[in-house]
Amino acid sequence: MSRKLSQYLKSSRRRAGLAQSDVAMLIGDRTASRISRHERGRRLPTLETALAYQAIFGVSVAELFAGSYRTIARRVANRAKNLADRSGPKNAALAMLRQRSLRLLMNR
């Protein structure tokens, strides 16, 4: 996991003036241990928790977890390149739409 992930999460919490225990309460946890693990990069949050962080801090999940997002986006782009090399639908309109979608993914 990226070190940047923990820095963005922790800095967002601090900017909001919240303690880990405050964030835990907002997420619905009894203790701050899970928040601490997320901030230190020891664990990735579940989708529900990541969306809760977004709701709490008003920052997108992709921004809060920028290191992980960049890694995943690169993987998707590489897979799109591989997929573009495979034959697509026989229908010309669908083939054009598919190619456009794959090009967009490769260029992100």
N, C-alpha and C. Protein backbone atom coordinates (compact mmCIF):
# COMPACT_ATOMS: atom_id res chain seq x y z
N MET A 1 0.84 -1.17 0.00
CA MET A 1 0.00 0.00 0.00
C MET A 1 0.88 1.24 0.00
N SER A 2 0.42 2.24 -0.67
CA SER A 2 1.20 3.47 -0.80
C SER A 2 1.27 4.23 0.52
N ARG A 3 2.42 4.80 0.78
CA ARG A 3 2.59 5.65 1.97
C ARG A 3 1.74 6.91 1.84
N LYS A 4 1.54 7.37 0.59
CA LYS A 4 0.75 8.57 0.38
C LYS A 4 -0.68 8.40 0.89
N LEU A 5 -1.20 7.18 0.77
CA LEU A 5 -2.56 6.92 1.23
C LEU A 5 -2.71 7.36 2.68
N SER A 6 -1.81 6.93 3.52
CA SER A 6 -1.95 7.26 4.93
C SER A 6 -1.80 8.76 5.17
N GLN A 7 -0.95 9.40 4.44
CA GLN A 7 -0.76 10.83 4.64
C GLN A 7 -2.00 11.62 4.25
N TYR A 8 -2.64 11.28 3.15
CA TYR A 8 -3.84 12.01 2.75
C TYR A 8 -4.99 11.78 3.73
N LEU A 9 -5.12 10.57 4.20
CA LEU A 9 -6.19 10.26 5.13
C LEU A 9 -5.96 10.97 6.47
N LYS A 10 -4.76 10.85 6.98
CA LYS A 10 -4.45 11.48 8.27
C LYS A 10 -4.52 13.01 8.17
N SER A 11 -3.98 13.56 7.09
CA SER A 11 -4.00 15.02 6.96
C SER A 11 -5.43 15.53 6.78
N SER A 12 -6.27 14.78 6.10
CA SER A 12 -7.67 15.18 5.95
C SER A 12 -8.37 15.18 7.31
N ARG A 13 -8.08 14.16 8.10
CA ARG A 13 -8.69 14.08 9.44
C ARG A 13 -8.22 15.25 10.30
N ARG A 14 -6.93 15.52 10.26
CA ARG A 14 -6.41 16.63 11.07
C ARG A 14 -6.94 17.98 10.61
N ARG A 15 -7.03 18.16 9.29
CA ARG A 15 -7.59 19.41 8.76
C ARG A 15 -9.02 19.62 9.23
N ALA A 16 -9.74 18.52 9.41
CA ALA A 16 -11.13 18.60 9.88
C ALA A 16 -11.21 18.79 11.40
N GLY A 17 -10.06 18.71 12.07
CA GLY A 17 -10.05 18.89 13.52
C GLY A 17 -10.65 17.71 14.27
N LEU A 18 -10.58 16.53 13.67
CA LEU A 18 -11.17 15.34 14.27
C LEU A 18 -10.10 14.40 14.81
N ALA A 19 -10.40 13.77 15.92
CA ALA A 19 -9.54 12.73 16.47
C ALA A 19 -9.90 11.41 15.80
N GLN A 20 -9.00 10.43 15.88
CA GLN A 20 -9.32 9.12 15.32
C GLN A 20 -10.58 8.55 15.95
N SER A 21 -10.77 8.78 17.24
CA SER A 21 -11.97 8.28 17.92
C SER A 21 -13.24 8.96 17.38
N ASP A 22 -13.12 10.23 16.97
CA ASP A 22 -14.26 10.93 16.36
C ASP A 22 -14.64 10.27 15.04
N VAL A 23 -13.63 10.01 14.22
CA VAL A 23 -13.87 9.38 12.92
C VAL A 23 -14.44 7.98 13.11
N ALA A 24 -13.90 7.26 14.09
CA ALA A 24 -14.42 5.91 14.37
C ALA A 24 -15.90 5.98 14.70
N MET A 25 -16.28 6.93 15.53
CA MET A 25 -17.69 7.10 15.91
C MET A 25 -18.55 7.40 14.69
N LEU A 26 -18.06 8.29 13.82
CA LEU A 26 -18.81 8.65 12.62
C LEU A 26 -18.98 7.46 11.67
N ILE A 27 -17.97 6.59 11.64
CA ILE A 27 -18.03 5.41 10.78
C ILE A 27 -18.88 4.30 11.41
N GLY A 28 -18.99 4.35 12.73
CA GLY A 28 -19.78 3.34 13.42
C GLY A 28 -18.95 2.30 14.15
N ASP A 29 -17.67 2.61 14.36
CA ASP A 29 -16.79 1.72 15.12
C ASP A 29 -16.76 2.16 16.58
N ARG A 30 -16.49 1.22 17.45
CA ARG A 30 -16.39 1.54 18.88
C ARG A 30 -15.01 2.07 19.25
N THR A 31 -13.99 1.61 18.52
CA THR A 31 -12.62 2.04 18.83
C THR A 31 -11.98 2.64 17.58
N ALA A 32 -10.85 3.30 17.80
CA ALA A 32 -10.14 3.96 16.70
C ALA A 32 -9.09 3.06 16.06
N SER A 33 -9.00 1.81 16.47
CA SER A 33 -7.92 0.95 15.98
C SER A 33 -7.97 0.75 14.47
N ARG A 34 -9.14 0.61 13.90
CA ARG A 34 -9.24 0.44 12.45
C ARG A 34 -8.82 1.72 11.73
N ILE A 35 -9.20 2.86 12.27
CA ILE A 35 -8.80 4.14 11.67
C ILE A 35 -7.29 4.25 11.68
N SER A 36 -6.68 3.89 12.78
CA SER A 36 -5.23 3.93 12.90
C SER A 36 -4.57 3.03 11.85
N ARG A 37 -5.09 1.82 11.67
CA ARG A 37 -4.52 0.90 10.68
C ARG A 37 -4.64 1.48 9.27
N HIS A 38 -5.74 2.13 8.97
CA HIS A 38 -5.91 2.76 7.65
C HIS A 38 -4.91 3.89 7.47
N GLU A 39 -4.78 4.73 8.49
CA GLU A 39 -3.87 5.87 8.40
C GLU A 39 -2.41 5.44 8.29
N ARG A 40 -2.05 4.35 8.92
CA ARG A 40 -0.67 3.87 8.86
C ARG A 40 -0.40 3.01 7.64
N GLY A 41 -1.45 2.77 6.85
CA GLY A 41 -1.28 1.97 5.65
C GLY A 41 -1.19 0.47 5.92
N ARG A 42 -1.63 0.04 7.07
CA ARG A 42 -1.59 -1.37 7.42
C ARG A 42 -2.73 -2.16 6.79
N ARG A 43 -3.84 -1.49 6.55
CA ARG A 43 -5.03 -2.13 5.97
C ARG A 43 -5.71 -1.18 5.01
N LEU A 44 -6.32 -1.74 3.98
CA LEU A 44 -7.19 -0.96 3.11
C LEU A 44 -8.60 -1.00 3.68
N PRO A 45 -9.32 0.10 3.63
CA PRO A 45 -10.69 0.09 4.14
C PRO A 45 -11.62 -0.64 3.18
N THR A 46 -12.75 -1.08 3.71
CA THR A 46 -13.79 -1.64 2.85
C THR A 46 -14.36 -0.50 1.99
N LEU A 47 -15.10 -0.85 0.98
CA LEU A 47 -15.74 0.18 0.15
C LEU A 47 -16.64 1.06 1.00
N GLU A 48 -17.41 0.46 1.88
CA GLU A 48 -18.31 1.23 2.75
C GLU A 48 -17.54 2.24 3.61
N THR A 49 -16.43 1.80 4.17
CA THR A 49 -15.63 2.70 5.01
C THR A 49 -14.98 3.79 4.17
N ALA A 50 -14.48 3.43 2.98
CA ALA A 50 -13.86 4.43 2.10
C ALA A 50 -14.88 5.50 1.72
N LEU A 51 -16.10 5.08 1.44
CA LEU A 51 -17.16 6.05 1.10
C LEU A 51 -17.54 6.89 2.32
N ALA A 52 -17.46 6.30 3.50
CA ALA A 52 -17.72 7.06 4.73
C ALA A 52 -16.64 8.13 4.90
N TYR A 53 -15.37 7.78 4.63
CA TYR A 53 -14.31 8.78 4.69
C TYR A 53 -14.60 9.92 3.72
N GLN A 54 -15.06 9.58 2.54
CA GLN A 54 -15.40 10.62 1.55
C GLN A 54 -16.50 11.52 2.10
N ALA A 55 -17.52 10.93 2.70
CA ALA A 55 -18.62 11.72 3.26
C ALA A 55 -18.14 12.60 4.42
N ILE A 56 -17.26 12.08 5.22
CA ILE A 56 -16.77 12.83 6.39
C ILE A 56 -15.88 14.00 5.98
N PHE A 57 -14.94 13.73 5.06
CA PHE A 57 -13.93 14.74 4.73
C PHE A 57 -14.26 15.56 3.49
N GLY A 58 -15.26 15.16 2.74
CA GLY A 58 -15.63 15.89 1.53
C GLY A 58 -14.56 15.82 0.45
N VAL A 59 -13.80 14.73 0.45
CA VAL A 59 -12.73 14.51 -0.53
C VAL A 59 -13.01 13.17 -1.19
N SER A 60 -12.85 13.10 -2.50
CA SER A 60 -13.16 11.86 -3.21
C SER A 60 -12.27 10.71 -2.73
N VAL A 61 -12.78 9.50 -2.86
CA VAL A 61 -12.03 8.31 -2.49
C VAL A 61 -10.72 8.25 -3.28
N ALA A 62 -10.78 8.60 -4.57
CA ALA A 62 -9.57 8.59 -5.40
C ALA A 62 -8.52 9.57 -4.88
N GLU A 63 -8.94 10.69 -4.33
CA GLU A 63 -7.98 11.65 -3.76
C GLU A 63 -7.46 11.17 -2.40
N LEU A 64 -8.34 10.66 -1.56
CA LEU A 64 -7.92 10.18 -0.25
C LEU A 64 -6.94 9.02 -0.36
N PHE A 65 -7.14 8.18 -1.35
CA PHE A 65 -6.33 6.99 -1.54
C PHE A 65 -5.60 7.07 -2.88
N ALA A 66 -4.96 8.21 -3.09
CA ALA A 66 -4.34 8.51 -4.39
C ALA A 66 -3.29 7.48 -4.82
N GLY A 67 -2.48 7.01 -3.91
CA GLY A 67 -1.46 6.02 -4.26
C GLY A 67 -2.08 4.74 -4.79
N SER A 68 -3.07 4.24 -4.08
CA SER A 68 -3.77 3.03 -4.52
C SER A 68 -4.52 3.28 -5.82
N TYR A 69 -5.13 4.46 -5.93
CA TYR A 69 -5.88 4.78 -7.15
C TYR A 69 -4.96 4.77 -8.37
N ARG A 70 -3.78 5.40 -8.25
CA ARG A 70 -2.85 5.44 -9.39
C ARG A 70 -2.41 4.05 -9.79
N THR A 71 -2.12 3.21 -8.83
CA THR A 71 -1.71 1.83 -9.11
C THR A 71 -2.81 1.08 -9.85
N ILE A 72 -4.02 1.20 -9.37
CA ILE A 72 -5.15 0.51 -9.98
C ILE A 72 -5.44 1.05 -11.38
N ALA A 73 -5.36 2.37 -11.53
CA ALA A 73 -5.60 2.98 -12.85
C ALA A 73 -4.57 2.50 -13.87
N ARG A 74 -3.31 2.36 -13.45
CA ARG A 74 -2.28 1.84 -14.37
C ARG A 74 -2.59 0.41 -14.78
N ARG A 75 -3.03 -0.40 -13.84
CA ARG A 75 -3.38 -1.80 -14.15
C ARG A 75 -4.53 -1.85 -15.14
N VAL A 76 -5.53 -1.03 -14.93
CA VAL A 76 -6.69 -1.00 -15.85
C VAL A 76 -6.24 -0.56 -17.24
N ALA A 77 -5.38 0.45 -17.32
CA ALA A 77 -4.89 0.92 -18.62
C ALA A 77 -4.12 -0.18 -19.34
N ASN A 78 -3.29 -0.92 -18.62
CA ASN A 78 -2.56 -2.03 -19.23
C ASN A 78 -3.50 -3.11 -19.72
N ARG A 79 -4.52 -3.41 -18.95
CA ARG A 79 -5.49 -4.42 -19.37
C ARG A 79 -6.29 -3.94 -20.58
N ALA A 80 -6.56 -2.64 -20.63
CA ALA A 80 -7.27 -2.08 -21.79
C ALA A 80 -6.43 -2.24 -23.06
N LYS A 81 -5.12 -2.04 -22.94
CA LYS A 81 -4.23 -2.23 -24.10
C LYS A 81 -4.29 -3.67 -24.57
N ASN A 82 -4.25 -4.60 -23.63
CA ASN A 82 -4.34 -6.03 -23.99
C ASN A 82 -5.68 -6.35 -24.63
N LEU A 83 -6.73 -5.79 -24.09
CA LEU A 83 -8.07 -6.04 -24.61
C LEU A 83 -8.24 -5.44 -26.00
N ALA A 84 -7.63 -4.29 -26.23
CA ALA A 84 -7.73 -3.64 -27.55
C ALA A 84 -7.11 -4.49 -28.64
N ASP A 85 -6.13 -5.31 -28.28
CA ASP A 85 -5.48 -6.18 -29.26
C ASP A 85 -6.34 -7.38 -29.64
N ARG A 86 -7.33 -7.67 -28.87
CA ARG A 86 -8.23 -8.81 -29.15
C ARG A 86 -9.34 -8.35 -30.08
N SER A 87 -9.88 -9.30 -30.82
CA SER A 87 -10.99 -8.95 -31.70
C SER A 87 -12.23 -8.61 -30.87
N GLY A 88 -12.98 -7.68 -31.38
CA GLY A 88 -14.16 -7.21 -30.67
C GLY A 88 -15.43 -7.65 -31.37
N PRO A 89 -16.51 -6.93 -31.12
CA PRO A 89 -17.79 -7.27 -31.72
C PRO A 89 -17.75 -7.13 -33.24
N LYS A 90 -18.55 -7.93 -33.91
CA LYS A 90 -18.63 -7.88 -35.38
C LYS A 90 -19.43 -6.67 -35.85
N ASN A 91 -20.34 -6.21 -35.02
CA ASN A 91 -21.14 -5.03 -35.33
C ASN A 91 -20.22 -3.81 -35.34
N ALA A 92 -20.19 -3.09 -36.46
CA ALA A 92 -19.26 -1.97 -36.63
C ALA A 92 -19.48 -0.86 -35.59
N ALA A 93 -20.72 -0.55 -35.30
CA ALA A 93 -21.01 0.52 -34.34
C ALA A 93 -20.53 0.13 -32.94
N LEU A 94 -20.78 -1.10 -32.56
CA LEU A 94 -20.32 -1.57 -31.25
C LEU A 94 -18.79 -1.64 -31.20
N ALA A 95 -18.18 -2.06 -32.29
CA ALA A 95 -16.72 -2.14 -32.34
C ALA A 95 -16.10 -0.75 -32.18
N MET A 96 -16.68 0.26 -32.81
CA MET A 96 -16.17 1.63 -32.70
C MET A 96 -16.34 2.15 -31.27
N LEU A 97 -17.48 1.88 -30.67
CA LEU A 97 -17.74 2.30 -29.29
C LEU A 97 -16.76 1.63 -28.33
N ARG A 98 -16.53 0.33 -28.54
CA ARG A 98 -15.58 -0.41 -27.71
C ARG A 98 -14.18 0.18 -27.83
N GLN A 99 -13.73 0.42 -29.04
CA GLN A 99 -12.40 0.97 -29.27
C GLN A 99 -12.25 2.35 -28.62
N ARG A 100 -13.27 3.17 -28.74
CA ARG A 100 -13.23 4.50 -28.11
C ARG A 100 -13.11 4.38 -26.59
N SER A 101 -13.89 3.50 -26.01
CA SER A 101 -13.84 3.29 -24.55
C SER A 101 -12.47 2.80 -24.12
N LEU A 102 -11.91 1.86 -24.86
CA LEU A 102 -10.60 1.33 -24.52
C LEU A 102 -9.50 2.38 -24.68
N ARG A 103 -9.59 3.21 -25.73
CA ARG A 103 -8.61 4.29 -25.91
C ARG A 103 -8.66 5.27 -24.75
N LEU A 104 -9.87 5.61 -24.32
CA LEU A 104 -10.01 6.52 -23.17
C LEU A 104 -9.34 5.93 -21.92
N LEU A 105 -9.55 4.64 -21.70
CA LEU A 105 -8.95 3.99 -20.54
C LEU A 105 -7.43 3.97 -20.64
N MET A 106 -6.91 3.73 -21.84
CA MET A 106 -5.46 3.68 -22.02
C MET A 106 -4.80 5.04 -21.85
N ASN A 107 -5.53 6.11 -22.10
CA ASN A 107 -4.96 7.45 -22.05
C ASN A 107 -5.18 8.19 -20.73
N ARG A 108 -5.77 7.54 -19.77
CA ARG A 108 -6.00 8.19 -18.47
C ARG A 108 -4.74 8.24 -17.67
